[in-house]
Amino acid sequence: MLAGKTLAENGLVSWLVVVLLANGTGCNRPQIVIVPREKEVESKEQTDADSRSRFLSSPEAPESLARIRATMASSQEVSPADHSALVQMQATYPGVLEIEQTLTGSLALREDWDGLIQHFDRLEPDRIDREVLIRAHIRSHRYSDAIRLLGQRAGPEAADDETKWLFAFCHFHAGDYATAGPLLDGLADRVSGPRLLDVLTLRGLVAIQADDLETARRYLERALAAQPDHLPAVTNLARVMHQLGDPAAAAELDGRSTRLRQQQVTQTAAMMRLAALAPQLEEAWSRKDLARTKAIVDRMMPDADAQARAMLNLYLVEIRRLNDESQGASGR
C-alpha cells in the first residue's frame, strides 16, 4: 500500500488518519483508515449543530448571552465577570456563532489584542473577521503579520487608499521607511478628514528618518494648515524647526504642544468621569428614579461635549414629561 503522504500527493484521498484498533477486534496493529475530507466537514458541522442545540436548550446560557450583548452595546465595556462568562460559554458550547462574535467584541473592548489573536487562531477560517484581525496585529505591534494579512487582501499597488495607508503605517513602524514613503505619496491628494492628518504627519516622519528636514517641514505644515491643534504634527514640527536652526518657531511650537497636552489630559479626565457615571445613570433611569437621574445628569453636564449634552438633554426632557404626568394624575 502507498504511504499516506504519497496517496495525498497523488490526489487519491484528501485526508488520512491513523488509528489503533482496540483489543477485541481481532487486530492490535495500527491501521490506515481513509476518510474523505467531506466526512470531516460533515462531522464538524454536526458537532456545531449539536453544540448550538445544547446552547439553545440551556435554561440560562441564551439569556445570559443576550444580557451581556445588550450591556456591551449600551456601555461599550465589559466587566471581568461577563468576560469570564463568555470564555466559559465558548468552552462549553464551541462553534456557536453568537458566542464567538460576542467574545470577539469583548476582547476588543478590553483591548486584549494578544488574546483576540489567540481567539481567532481557534476559529474556523470563515468565522474570522479579517479586518479586526489586522487591527489586532497592528495594536499588538505585530507589523510583519499585519503586512502579511494585508497582502492577502491586495498588493500595495492594487490596494484601495485605506489599505495603502495601513501598508504604509505598518512598514513605517516595522522600520521600513523606504517602502512607507512611496506608499504615502499621492495619498494626501485623495483622502480627507482625520486620515489626511495621519497621512501628512506620517509622511513628515518618513522624511525626518531620511534627514530630509525641508520635506518634513512641508508635510507637517500642511497638516497644521488643515488642523492647527493636531498634536503629533505640532510636536514633530517643533523638532524639525529646532534642527533647522529656527529657535523662535520651535519655541512657539513647543509652547503650543504643552498647551495641547494639558488640554488632552483634561479631556481624558472628563471622559473617565462620564464613563464612571454612565452605568449609574442607566440604573437610575431603569428604576424610574427621576430625582436621582436628574442629579446624575447635572453632574455629567459640565464634562459633556456637544453630542453627550444632546443625549443628556433628552433625559431632562423625559424627566419633565414624566413629572408633569405625575402631577397631572395626582391633581385629578
C-alpha atoms as a PDB file:
ATOM      1  CA  MET A   1       0.000   0.000   0.000  1.00  0.00           C
ATOM      2  CA  LEU A   2       1.202   3.520  -0.779  1.00  0.00           C
ATOM      3  CA  ALA A   3       2.263   5.697   2.132  1.00  0.00           C
ATOM      4  CA  GLY A   4      -0.247   8.265   3.301  1.00  0.00           C
ATOM      5  CA  LYS A   5       1.854  11.142   2.018  1.00  0.00           C
ATOM      6  CA  THR A   6       2.063   9.576  -1.441  1.00  0.00           C
ATOM      7  CA  LEU A   7      -1.698   8.994  -1.517  1.00  0.00           C
ATOM      8  CA  ALA A   8      -2.342  12.604  -0.617  1.00  0.00           C
ATOM      9  CA  GLU A   9       0.213  13.890  -3.113  1.00  0.00           C
ATOM     10  CA  ASN A  10      -1.415  11.852  -5.876  1.00  0.00           C
ATOM     11  CA  GLY A  11      -4.859  13.151  -5.050  1.00  0.00           C
ATOM     12  CA  LEU A  12      -6.253   9.686  -4.246  1.00  0.00           C
ATOM     13  CA  VAL A  13      -7.572  10.842  -0.888  1.00  0.00           C
ATOM     14  CA  SER A  14      -7.949  14.238   0.710  1.00  0.00           C
ATOM     15  CA  TRP A  15      -7.460  13.219   4.335  1.00  0.00           C
ATOM     16  CA  LEU A  16      -5.858  10.334   6.238  1.00  0.00           C
ATOM     17  CA  VAL A  17      -5.989   9.391   9.865  1.00  0.00           C
ATOM     18  CA  VAL A  18      -4.077   6.602  11.651  1.00  0.00           C
ATOM     19  CA  VAL A  19      -5.995   4.797  14.353  1.00  0.00           C
ATOM     20  CA  LEU A  20      -5.107   1.898  16.643  1.00  0.00           C
ATOM     21  CA  LEU A  21      -7.927  -0.632  16.556  1.00  0.00           C
ATOM     22  CA  ALA A  22      -8.983  -1.664  20.029  1.00  0.00           C
ATOM     23  CA  ASN A  23      -8.374  -5.108  21.517  1.00  0.00           C
ATOM     24  CA  GLY A  24     -11.192  -7.474  20.754  1.00  0.00           C
ATOM     25  CA  THR A  25     -11.491  -6.514  17.104  1.00  0.00           C
ATOM     26  CA  GLY A  26      -9.096  -9.242  16.126  1.00  0.00           C
ATOM     27  CA  CYS A  27      -6.351  -6.752  15.286  1.00  0.00           C
ATOM     28  CA  ASN A  28      -3.997  -4.794  17.537  1.00  0.00           C
ATOM     29  CA  ARG A  29      -1.769  -3.158  14.944  1.00  0.00           C
ATOM     30  CA  PRO A  30      -2.167   0.398  13.611  1.00  0.00           C
ATOM     31  CA  GLN A  31      -4.386   0.577  10.561  1.00  0.00           C
ATOM     32  CA  ILE A  32      -4.644   3.224   7.887  1.00  0.00           C
ATOM     33  CA  VAL A  33      -8.221   4.417   7.656  1.00  0.00           C
ATOM     34  CA  ILE A  34      -9.033   6.590   4.653  1.00  0.00           C
ATOM     35  CA  VAL A  35     -11.600   9.252   5.490  1.00  0.00           C
ATOM     36  CA  PRO A  36     -12.626  11.794   2.832  1.00  0.00           C
ATOM     37  CA  ARG A  37     -12.353  15.467   3.750  1.00  0.00           C
ATOM     38  CA  GLU A  38     -16.113  15.781   3.199  1.00  0.00           C
ATOM     39  CA  LYS A  39     -16.683  13.472   6.184  1.00  0.00           C
ATOM     40  CA  GLU A  40     -14.538  15.706   8.373  1.00  0.00           C
ATOM     41  CA  VAL A  41     -16.551  18.763   7.310  1.00  0.00           C
ATOM     42  CA  GLU A  42     -19.839  16.958   7.901  1.00  0.00           C
ATOM     43  CA  SER A  43     -18.607  15.889  11.344  1.00  0.00           C
ATOM     44  CA  LYS A  44     -17.625  19.474  12.231  1.00  0.00           C
ATOM     45  CA  GLU A  45     -20.976  20.802  11.074  1.00  0.00           C
ATOM     46  CA  GLN A  46     -22.784  18.153  13.107  1.00  0.00           C
ATOM     47  CA  THR A  47     -20.690  18.977  16.167  1.00  0.00           C
ATOM     48  CA  ASP A  48     -21.517  22.698  15.796  1.00  0.00           C
ATOM     49  CA  ALA A  49     -25.212  21.857  15.352  1.00  0.00           C
ATOM     50  CA  ASP A  50     -25.192  19.680  18.472  1.00  0.00           C
ATOM     51  CA  SER A  51     -23.381  22.423  20.414  1.00  0.00           C
ATOM     52  CA  ARG A  52     -25.915  25.020  19.276  1.00  0.00           C
ATOM     53  CA  SER A  53     -28.797  22.747  20.238  1.00  0.00           C
ATOM     54  CA  ARG A  54     -27.344  22.296  23.737  1.00  0.00           C
ATOM     55  CA  PHE A  55     -26.846  26.068  23.993  1.00  0.00           C
ATOM     56  CA  LEU A  56     -30.437  26.879  22.995  1.00  0.00           C
ATOM     57  CA  SER A  57     -31.866  24.261  25.352  1.00  0.00           C
ATOM     58  CA  SER A  58     -29.843  25.586  28.298  1.00  0.00           C
ATOM     59  CA  PRO A  59     -32.054  27.282  30.914  1.00  0.00           C
ATOM     60  CA  GLU A  60     -29.560  30.103  31.461  1.00  0.00           C
ATOM     61  CA  ALA A  61     -26.988  30.446  28.661  1.00  0.00           C
ATOM     62  CA  PRO A  62     -29.087  32.213  25.940  1.00  0.00           C
ATOM     63  CA  GLU A  63     -30.482  34.734  28.416  1.00  0.00           C
ATOM     64  CA  SER A  64     -27.031  35.363  29.890  1.00  0.00           C
ATOM     65  CA  LEU A  65     -25.534  35.920  26.434  1.00  0.00           C
ATOM     66  CA  ALA A  66     -28.341  38.318  25.463  1.00  0.00           C
ATOM     67  CA  ARG A  67     -27.784  40.318  28.649  1.00  0.00           C
ATOM     68  CA  ILE A  68     -24.030  40.545  28.086  1.00  0.00           C
ATOM     69  CA  ARG A  69     -24.526  41.622  24.453  1.00  0.00           C
ATOM     70  CA  ALA A  70     -27.013  44.319  25.491  1.00  0.00           C
ATOM     71  CA  THR A  71     -24.680  45.613  28.214  1.00  0.00           C
ATOM     72  CA  MET A  72     -21.742  45.738  25.814  1.00  0.00           C
ATOM     73  CA  ALA A  73     -23.815  47.585  23.193  1.00  0.00           C
ATOM     74  CA  SER A  74     -25.090  50.210  25.636  1.00  0.00           C
ATOM     75  CA  SER A  75     -21.980  50.817  27.742  1.00  0.00           C
ATOM     76  CA  GLN A  76     -19.200  49.881  25.287  1.00  0.00           C
ATOM     77  CA  GLU A  77     -17.448  47.996  28.071  1.00  0.00           C
ATOM     78  CA  VAL A  78     -17.451  44.518  29.576  1.00  0.00           C
ATOM     79  CA  SER A  79     -16.967  43.517  33.203  1.00  0.00           C
ATOM     80  CA  PRO A  80     -14.411  40.870  34.205  1.00  0.00           C
ATOM     81  CA  ALA A  81     -17.276  38.611  35.327  1.00  0.00           C
ATOM     82  CA  ASP A  82     -19.074  38.909  31.976  1.00  0.00           C
ATOM     83  CA  HIS A  83     -15.871  38.276  30.056  1.00  0.00           C
ATOM     84  CA  SER A  84     -15.161  35.165  32.123  1.00  0.00           C
ATOM     85  CA  ALA A  85     -18.720  34.001  31.447  1.00  0.00           C
ATOM     86  CA  LEU A  86     -18.155  34.371  27.698  1.00  0.00           C
ATOM     87  CA  VAL A  87     -14.913  32.384  27.865  1.00  0.00           C
ATOM     88  CA  GLN A  88     -16.750  29.620  29.746  1.00  0.00           C
ATOM     89  CA  MET A  89     -19.613  29.659  27.217  1.00  0.00           C
ATOM     90  CA  GLN A  90     -17.140  29.334  24.361  1.00  0.00           C
ATOM     91  CA  ALA A  91     -15.589  26.281  26.035  1.00  0.00           C
ATOM     92  CA  THR A  92     -18.965  24.737  26.860  1.00  0.00           C
ATOM     93  CA  TYR A  93     -20.681  25.457  23.539  1.00  0.00           C
ATOM     94  CA  PRO A  94     -17.945  25.580  20.863  1.00  0.00           C
ATOM     95  CA  GLY A  95     -18.905  26.618  17.358  1.00  0.00           C
ATOM     96  CA  VAL A  96     -21.895  28.813  18.331  1.00  0.00           C
ATOM     97  CA  LEU A  97     -21.515  31.895  16.141  1.00  0.00           C
ATOM     98  CA  GLU A  98     -23.169  34.391  18.517  1.00  0.00           C
ATOM     99  CA  ILE A  99     -20.828  33.371  21.347  1.00  0.00           C
ATOM    100  CA  GLU A 100     -17.751  33.626  19.091  1.00  0.00           C
ATOM    101  CA  GLN A 101     -18.772  37.090  17.874  1.00  0.00           C
ATOM    102  CA  THR A 102     -19.554  38.365  21.377  1.00  0.00           C
ATOM    103  CA  LEU A 103     -16.223  37.090  22.717  1.00  0.00           C
ATOM    104  CA  THR A 104     -14.508  38.855  19.808  1.00  0.00           C
ATOM    105  CA  GLY A 105     -16.223  42.100  20.829  1.00  0.00           C
ATOM    106  CA  SER A 106     -15.354  41.582  24.485  1.00  0.00           C
ATOM    107  CA  LEU A 107     -11.665  41.067  23.742  1.00  0.00           C
ATOM    108  CA  ALA A 108     -11.641  44.180  21.545  1.00  0.00           C
ATOM    109  CA  LEU A 109     -13.347  46.296  24.221  1.00  0.00           C
ATOM    110  CA  ARG A 110     -10.785  45.067  26.765  1.00  0.00           C
ATOM    111  CA  GLU A 111      -8.037  45.870  24.230  1.00  0.00           C
ATOM    112  CA  ASP A 112      -6.657  42.370  24.778  1.00  0.00           C
ATOM    113  CA  TRP A 113      -5.090  42.191  21.329  1.00  0.00           C
ATOM    114  CA  ASP A 114      -2.947  39.126  22.016  1.00  0.00           C
ATOM    115  CA  GLY A 115      -5.993  37.354  23.422  1.00  0.00           C
ATOM    116  CA  LEU A 116      -8.005  38.358  20.357  1.00  0.00           C
ATOM    117  CA  ILE A 117      -5.366  36.912  18.019  1.00  0.00           C
ATOM    118  CA  GLN A 118      -5.339  33.664  20.017  1.00  0.00           C
ATOM    119  CA  HIS A 119      -9.156  33.590  19.901  1.00  0.00           C
ATOM    120  CA  PHE A 120      -9.110  33.888  16.089  1.00  0.00           C
ATOM    121  CA  ASP A 121      -6.481  31.123  15.911  1.00  0.00           C
ATOM    122  CA  ARG A 122      -9.055  28.759  17.406  1.00  0.00           C
ATOM    123  CA  LEU A 123     -11.845  29.659  14.953  1.00  0.00           C
ATOM    124  CA  GLU A 124     -12.661  28.229  11.554  1.00  0.00           C
ATOM    125  CA  PRO A 125     -11.259  30.428   8.748  1.00  0.00           C
ATOM    126  CA  ASP A 126     -14.719  31.508   7.556  1.00  0.00           C
ATOM    127  CA  ARG A 127     -15.555  32.716  11.084  1.00  0.00           C
ATOM    128  CA  ILE A 128     -12.589  35.117  11.318  1.00  0.00           C
ATOM    129  CA  ASP A 129     -13.156  38.844  10.827  1.00  0.00           C
ATOM    130  CA  ARG A 130     -10.042  39.675   8.793  1.00  0.00           C
ATOM    131  CA  GLU A 131     -10.349  43.419   9.346  1.00  0.00           C
ATOM    132  CA  VAL A 132     -10.448  43.001  13.124  1.00  0.00           C
ATOM    133  CA  LEU A 133      -7.544  40.540  12.971  1.00  0.00           C
ATOM    134  CA  ILE A 134      -5.410  43.012  11.002  1.00  0.00           C
ATOM    135  CA  ARG A 135      -6.172  45.771  13.524  1.00  0.00           C
ATOM    136  CA  ALA A 136      -5.344  43.414  16.401  1.00  0.00           C
ATOM    137  CA  HIS A 137      -1.929  42.658  14.903  1.00  0.00           C
ATOM    138  CA  ILE A 138      -1.292  46.381  14.460  1.00  0.00           C
ATOM    139  CA  ARG A 139      -2.381  47.235  18.006  1.00  0.00           C
ATOM    140  CA  SER A 140      -0.136  44.474  19.386  1.00  0.00           C
ATOM    141  CA  HIS A 141       2.777  45.811  17.270  1.00  0.00           C
ATOM    142  CA  ARG A 142       2.973  42.678  15.108  1.00  0.00           C
ATOM    143  CA  TYR A 143       3.525  44.708  11.975  1.00  0.00           C
ATOM    144  CA  SER A 144       5.034  41.937   9.858  1.00  0.00           C
ATOM    145  CA  ASP A 145       1.980  39.757  10.477  1.00  0.00           C
ATOM    146  CA  ALA A 146      -0.306  42.683   9.643  1.00  0.00           C
ATOM    147  CA  ILE A 147       1.574  43.270   6.374  1.00  0.00           C
ATOM    148  CA  ARG A 148       1.185  39.583   5.500  1.00  0.00           C
ATOM    149  CA  LEU A 149      -2.579  39.704   6.133  1.00  0.00           C
ATOM    150  CA  LEU A 150      -2.942  42.935   4.177  1.00  0.00           C
ATOM    151  CA  GLY A 151      -1.095  41.289   1.294  1.00  0.00           C
ATOM    152  CA  GLN A 152      -3.718  38.538   1.232  1.00  0.00           C
ATOM    153  CA  ARG A 153      -6.331  41.235   0.625  1.00  0.00           C
ATOM    154  CA  ALA A 154      -4.436  43.008  -2.181  1.00  0.00           C
ATOM    155  CA  GLY A 155      -0.904  44.007  -3.124  1.00  0.00           C
ATOM    156  CA  PRO A 156       0.182  47.547  -2.213  1.00  0.00           C
ATOM    157  CA  GLU A 157      -0.100  48.808  -5.792  1.00  0.00           C
ATOM    158  CA  ALA A 158      -3.625  47.437  -6.315  1.00  0.00           C
ATOM    159  CA  ALA A 159      -4.881  48.329  -2.839  1.00  0.00           C
ATOM    160  CA  ASP A 160      -7.540  50.913  -2.055  1.00  0.00           C
ATOM    161  CA  ASP A 161      -6.434  54.064  -0.262  1.00  0.00           C
ATOM    162  CA  GLU A 162      -7.270  52.826   3.247  1.00  0.00           C
ATOM    163  CA  THR A 163      -5.359  49.584   2.714  1.00  0.00           C
ATOM    164  CA  LYS A 164      -2.477  51.534   1.229  1.00  0.00           C
ATOM    165  CA  TRP A 165      -2.439  53.695   4.369  1.00  0.00           C
ATOM    166  CA  LEU A 166      -2.309  50.589   6.577  1.00  0.00           C
ATOM    167  CA  PHE A 167       0.538  49.154   4.477  1.00  0.00           C
ATOM    168  CA  ALA A 168       2.463  52.417   4.892  1.00  0.00           C
ATOM    169  CA  PHE A 169       1.749  52.620   8.624  1.00  0.00           C
ATOM    170  CA  CYS A 170       2.924  49.039   9.212  1.00  0.00           C
ATOM    171  CA  HIS A 171       6.053  49.382   7.055  1.00  0.00           C
ATOM    172  CA  PHE A 172       6.979  52.598   8.885  1.00  0.00           C
ATOM    173  CA  HIS A 173       6.616  51.044  12.331  1.00  0.00           C
ATOM    174  CA  ALA A 174       8.496  47.966  11.154  1.00  0.00           C
ATOM    175  CA  GLY A 175      11.391  50.303  10.308  1.00  0.00           C
ATOM    176  CA  ASP A 176      10.999  50.017   6.536  1.00  0.00           C
ATOM    177  CA  TYR A 177      10.883  53.739   5.770  1.00  0.00           C
ATOM    178  CA  ALA A 178      11.926  53.304   2.146  1.00  0.00           C
ATOM    179  CA  THR A 179       8.750  51.323   1.435  1.00  0.00           C
ATOM    180  CA  ALA A 180       6.458  53.517   3.542  1.00  0.00           C
ATOM    181  CA  GLY A 181       7.318  56.779   1.770  1.00  0.00           C
ATOM    182  CA  PRO A 182       6.245  55.864  -1.794  1.00  0.00           C
ATOM    183  CA  LEU A 183       3.028  54.309  -0.471  1.00  0.00           C
ATOM    184  CA  LEU A 184       2.117  57.626   1.148  1.00  0.00           C
ATOM    185  CA  ASP A 185       2.992  59.742  -1.885  1.00  0.00           C
ATOM    186  CA  GLY A 186      -0.214  60.837  -3.570  1.00  0.00           C
ATOM    187  CA  LEU A 187      -2.493  59.691  -0.758  1.00  0.00           C
ATOM    188  CA  ALA A 188      -2.714  63.222   0.626  1.00  0.00           C
ATOM    189  CA  ASP A 189      -4.457  64.301  -2.595  1.00  0.00           C
ATOM    190  CA  ARG A 190      -7.090  61.549  -2.310  1.00  0.00           C
ATOM    191  CA  VAL A 191      -8.014  61.369   1.377  1.00  0.00           C
ATOM    192  CA  SER A 192      -9.651  63.852   3.727  1.00  0.00           C
ATOM    193  CA  GLY A 193     -10.585  64.400   7.356  1.00  0.00           C
ATOM    194  CA  PRO A 194      -8.599  62.674  10.117  1.00  0.00           C
ATOM    195  CA  ARG A 195      -6.948  60.312   7.629  1.00  0.00           C
ATOM    196  CA  LEU A 196      -5.458  63.301   5.781  1.00  0.00           C
ATOM    197  CA  LEU A 197      -3.787  64.402   9.027  1.00  0.00           C
ATOM    198  CA  ASP A 198      -2.479  60.870   9.545  1.00  0.00           C
ATOM    199  CA  VAL A 199      -1.005  60.699   6.038  1.00  0.00           C
ATOM    200  CA  LEU A 200       0.635  64.126   6.141  1.00  0.00           C
ATOM    201  CA  THR A 201       2.127  63.565   9.599  1.00  0.00           C
ATOM    202  CA  LEU A 202       3.452  60.101   8.789  1.00  0.00           C
ATOM    203  CA  ARG A 203       4.924  61.353   5.512  1.00  0.00           C
ATOM    204  CA  GLY A 204       6.684  64.050   7.523  1.00  0.00           C
ATOM    205  CA  LEU A 205       8.052  61.412   9.899  1.00  0.00           C
ATOM    206  CA  VAL A 206       9.352  59.372   6.959  1.00  0.00           C
ATOM    207  CA  ALA A 207      11.190  62.478   5.746  1.00  0.00           C
ATOM    208  CA  ILE A 208      12.638  63.028   9.249  1.00  0.00           C
ATOM    209  CA  GLN A 209      14.024  59.492   9.218  1.00  0.00           C
ATOM    210  CA  ALA A 210      15.664  60.270   5.865  1.00  0.00           C
ATOM    211  CA  ASP A 211      17.117  63.553   7.283  1.00  0.00           C
ATOM    212  CA  ASP A 212      15.111  65.432   4.633  1.00  0.00           C
ATOM    213  CA  LEU A 213      14.062  68.193   7.006  1.00  0.00           C
ATOM    214  CA  GLU A 214      12.645  70.579   4.398  1.00  0.00           C
ATOM    215  CA  THR A 215      10.314  67.894   3.071  1.00  0.00           C
ATOM    216  CA  ALA A 216       9.342  67.008   6.630  1.00  0.00           C
ATOM    217  CA  ARG A 217       8.612  70.667   7.322  1.00  0.00           C
ATOM    218  CA  ARG A 218       6.441  70.945   4.224  1.00  0.00           C
ATOM    219  CA  TYR A 219       4.258  67.950   5.072  1.00  0.00           C
ATOM    220  CA  LEU A 220       3.892  68.828   8.761  1.00  0.00           C
ATOM    221  CA  GLU A 221       2.960  72.420   7.928  1.00  0.00           C
ATOM    222  CA  ARG A 222       0.291  71.082   5.563  1.00  0.00           C
ATOM    223  CA  ALA A 223      -1.091  69.004   8.435  1.00  0.00           C
ATOM    224  CA  LEU A 224      -1.239  72.064  10.698  1.00  0.00           C
ATOM    225  CA  ALA A 225      -2.874  74.126   7.959  1.00  0.00           C
ATOM    226  CA  ALA A 226      -5.641  71.512   7.930  1.00  0.00           C
ATOM    227  CA  GLN A 227      -5.876  71.344  11.740  1.00  0.00           C
ATOM    228  CA  PRO A 228      -3.744  73.724  13.860  1.00  0.00           C
ATOM    229  CA  ASP A 229      -4.192  71.701  17.076  1.00  0.00           C
ATOM    230  CA  HIS A 230      -3.060  68.340  15.642  1.00  0.00           C
ATOM    231  CA  LEU A 231      -0.651  67.395  18.436  1.00  0.00           C
ATOM    232  CA  PRO A 232       1.599  64.884  16.571  1.00  0.00           C
ATOM    233  CA  ALA A 233       2.240  67.411  13.799  1.00  0.00           C
ATOM    234  CA  VAL A 234       2.891  70.232  16.286  1.00  0.00           C
ATOM    235  CA  THR A 235       5.336  68.141  18.321  1.00  0.00           C
ATOM    236  CA  ASN A 236       7.283  66.831  15.330  1.00  0.00           C
ATOM    237  CA  LEU A 237       7.401  70.175  13.545  1.00  0.00           C
ATOM    238  CA  ALA A 238       8.929  71.647  16.719  1.00  0.00           C
ATOM    239  CA  ARG A 239      11.698  69.018  16.438  1.00  0.00           C
ATOM    240  CA  VAL A 240      12.251  69.900  12.788  1.00  0.00           C
ATOM    241  CA  MET A 241      12.449  73.650  13.468  1.00  0.00           C
ATOM    242  CA  HIS A 242      14.983  73.050  16.236  1.00  0.00           C
ATOM    243  CA  GLN A 243      17.124  71.067  13.793  1.00  0.00           C
ATOM    244  CA  LEU A 244      16.697  73.673  11.048  1.00  0.00           C
ATOM    245  CA  GLY A 245      18.015  76.342  13.417  1.00  0.00           C
ATOM    246  CA  ASP A 246      14.819  78.381  13.877  1.00  0.00           C
ATOM    247  CA  PRO A 247      14.587  78.692  17.685  1.00  0.00           C
ATOM    248  CA  ALA A 248      11.729  81.235  17.640  1.00  0.00           C
ATOM    249  CA  ALA A 249       9.447  78.989  15.593  1.00  0.00           C
ATOM    250  CA  ALA A 250      10.498  75.969  17.637  1.00  0.00           C
ATOM    251  CA  ALA A 251       9.697  77.761  20.928  1.00  0.00           C
ATOM    252  CA  GLU A 252       6.235  78.773  19.701  1.00  0.00           C
ATOM    253  CA  LEU A 253       5.515  75.188  18.655  1.00  0.00           C
ATOM    254  CA  ASP A 254       6.849  73.794  21.952  1.00  0.00           C
ATOM    255  CA  GLY A 255       4.500  76.101  23.861  1.00  0.00           C
ATOM    256  CA  ARG A 256       1.565  75.064  21.677  1.00  0.00           C
ATOM    257  CA  SER A 257       2.467  71.397  22.233  1.00  0.00           C
ATOM    258  CA  THR A 258       2.480  71.872  26.008  1.00  0.00           C
ATOM    259  CA  ARG A 259      -0.955  73.548  25.956  1.00  0.00           C
ATOM    260  CA  LEU A 260      -2.415  70.806  23.761  1.00  0.00           C
ATOM    261  CA  ARG A 261      -1.053  68.082  26.039  1.00  0.00           C
ATOM    262  CA  GLN A 262      -2.624  69.779  29.050  1.00  0.00           C
ATOM    263  CA  GLN A 263      -5.957  70.000  27.203  1.00  0.00           C
ATOM    264  CA  GLN A 264      -5.683  66.318  26.316  1.00  0.00           C
ATOM    265  CA  VAL A 265      -5.157  65.377  29.967  1.00  0.00           C
ATOM    266  CA  THR A 266      -8.190  67.457  30.968  1.00  0.00           C
ATOM    267  CA  GLN A 267     -10.369  65.908  28.256  1.00  0.00           C
ATOM    268  CA  THR A 268      -9.288  62.387  29.208  1.00  0.00           C
ATOM    269  CA  ALA A 269     -10.160  63.029  32.856  1.00  0.00           C
ATOM    270  CA  ALA A 270     -13.586  64.345  31.814  1.00  0.00           C
ATOM    271  CA  MET A 271     -14.241  61.271  29.677  1.00  0.00           C
ATOM    272  CA  MET A 272     -13.302  58.994  32.578  1.00  0.00           C
ATOM    273  CA  ARG A 273     -15.718  60.814  34.887  1.00  0.00           C
ATOM    274  CA  LEU A 274     -18.514  60.481  32.317  1.00  0.00           C
ATOM    275  CA  ALA A 275     -17.760  56.788  31.826  1.00  0.00           C
ATOM    276  CA  ALA A 276     -17.907  56.191  35.585  1.00  0.00           C
ATOM    277  CA  LEU A 277     -21.307  57.919  35.880  1.00  0.00           C
ATOM    278  CA  ALA A 278     -22.915  56.350  32.794  1.00  0.00           C
ATOM    279  CA  PRO A 279     -23.838  52.990  34.456  1.00  0.00           C
ATOM    280  CA  GLN A 280     -25.283  54.867  37.447  1.00  0.00           C
ATOM    281  CA  LEU A 281     -27.396  56.971  35.097  1.00  0.00           C
ATOM    282  CA  GLU A 282     -28.672  53.888  33.286  1.00  0.00           C
ATOM    283  CA  GLU A 283     -29.550  52.159  36.563  1.00  0.00           C
ATOM    284  CA  ALA A 284     -31.382  55.177  37.975  1.00  0.00           C
ATOM    285  CA  TRP A 285     -33.350  55.631  34.757  1.00  0.00           C
ATOM    286  CA  SER A 286     -34.276  51.930  34.574  1.00  0.00           C
ATOM    287  CA  ARG A 287     -35.763  52.225  38.078  1.00  0.00           C
ATOM    288  CA  LYS A 288     -37.502  55.466  37.074  1.00  0.00           C
ATOM    289  CA  ASP A 289     -35.816  57.213  39.995  1.00  0.00           C
ATOM    290  CA  LEU A 290     -36.277  60.630  38.428  1.00  0.00           C
ATOM    291  CA  ALA A 291     -34.658  62.639  41.223  1.00  0.00           C
ATOM    292  CA  ARG A 292     -31.502  60.534  41.148  1.00  0.00           C
ATOM    293  CA  THR A 293     -31.459  60.508  37.334  1.00  0.00           C
ATOM    294  CA  LYS A 294     -31.567  64.325  37.243  1.00  0.00           C
ATOM    295  CA  ALA A 295     -28.857  64.586  39.902  1.00  0.00           C
ATOM    296  CA  ILE A 296     -26.547  62.347  37.831  1.00  0.00           C
ATOM    297  CA  VAL A 297     -27.332  64.293  34.634  1.00  0.00           C
ATOM    298  CA  ASP A 298     -26.447  67.539  36.436  1.00  0.00           C
ATOM    299  CA  ARG A 299     -23.096  66.025  37.498  1.00  0.00           C
ATOM    300  CA  MET A 300     -22.335  64.880  33.943  1.00  0.00           C
ATOM    301  CA  MET A 301     -23.217  68.108  32.120  1.00  0.00           C
ATOM    302  CA  PRO A 302     -20.008  70.079  32.891  1.00  0.00           C
ATOM    303  CA  ASP A 303     -17.827  67.331  31.363  1.00  0.00           C
ATOM    304  CA  ALA A 304     -20.068  66.566  28.372  1.00  0.00           C
ATOM    305  CA  ASP A 305     -19.234  67.533  24.805  1.00  0.00           C
ATOM    306  CA  ALA A 306     -21.940  68.632  22.345  1.00  0.00           C
ATOM    307  CA  GLN A 307     -23.011  65.103  21.459  1.00  0.00           C
ATOM    308  CA  ALA A 308     -23.158  63.961  25.082  1.00  0.00           C
ATOM    309  CA  ARG A 309     -25.062  67.117  26.068  1.00  0.00           C
ATOM    310  CA  ALA A 310     -27.694  66.383  23.424  1.00  0.00           C
ATOM    311  CA  MET A 311     -28.169  62.900  24.898  1.00  0.00           C
ATOM    312  CA  LEU A 312     -28.332  64.228  28.469  1.00  0.00           C
ATOM    313  CA  ASN A 313     -30.883  66.853  27.439  1.00  0.00           C
ATOM    314  CA  LEU A 314     -33.150  64.039  26.230  1.00  0.00           C
ATOM    315  CA  TYR A 315     -33.115  62.647  29.761  1.00  0.00           C
ATOM    316  CA  LEU A 316     -34.105  66.078  31.114  1.00  0.00           C
ATOM    317  CA  VAL A 317     -36.976  66.351  28.623  1.00  0.00           C
ATOM    318  CA  GLU A 318     -38.274  62.914  29.621  1.00  0.00           C
ATOM    319  CA  ILE A 319     -37.894  63.714  33.326  1.00  0.00           C
ATOM    320  CA  ARG A 320     -40.006  66.874  32.898  1.00  0.00           C
ATOM    321  CA  ARG A 321     -42.628  64.975  30.901  1.00  0.00           C
ATOM    322  CA  LEU A 322     -42.944  62.218  33.498  1.00  0.00           C
ATOM    323  CA  ASN A 323     -43.076  64.736  36.356  1.00  0.00           C
ATOM    324  CA  ASP A 324     -45.819  66.694  34.567  1.00  0.00           C
ATOM    325  CA  GLU A 325     -47.794  63.487  34.005  1.00  0.00           C
ATOM    326  CA  SER A 326     -47.401  62.545  37.662  1.00  0.00           C
ATOM    327  CA  GLN A 327     -48.541  65.957  38.852  1.00  0.00           C
ATOM    328  CA  GLY A 328     -51.492  65.900  36.483  1.00  0.00           C
ATOM    329  CA  ALA A 329     -52.545  62.472  37.687  1.00  0.00           C
ATOM    330  CA  SER A 330     -52.319  63.494  41.360  1.00  0.00           C
ATOM    331  CA  GLY A 331     -54.419  66.624  40.686  1.00  0.00           C
ATOM    332  CA  ARG A 332     -57.345  64.690  39.241  1.00  0.00           C
END
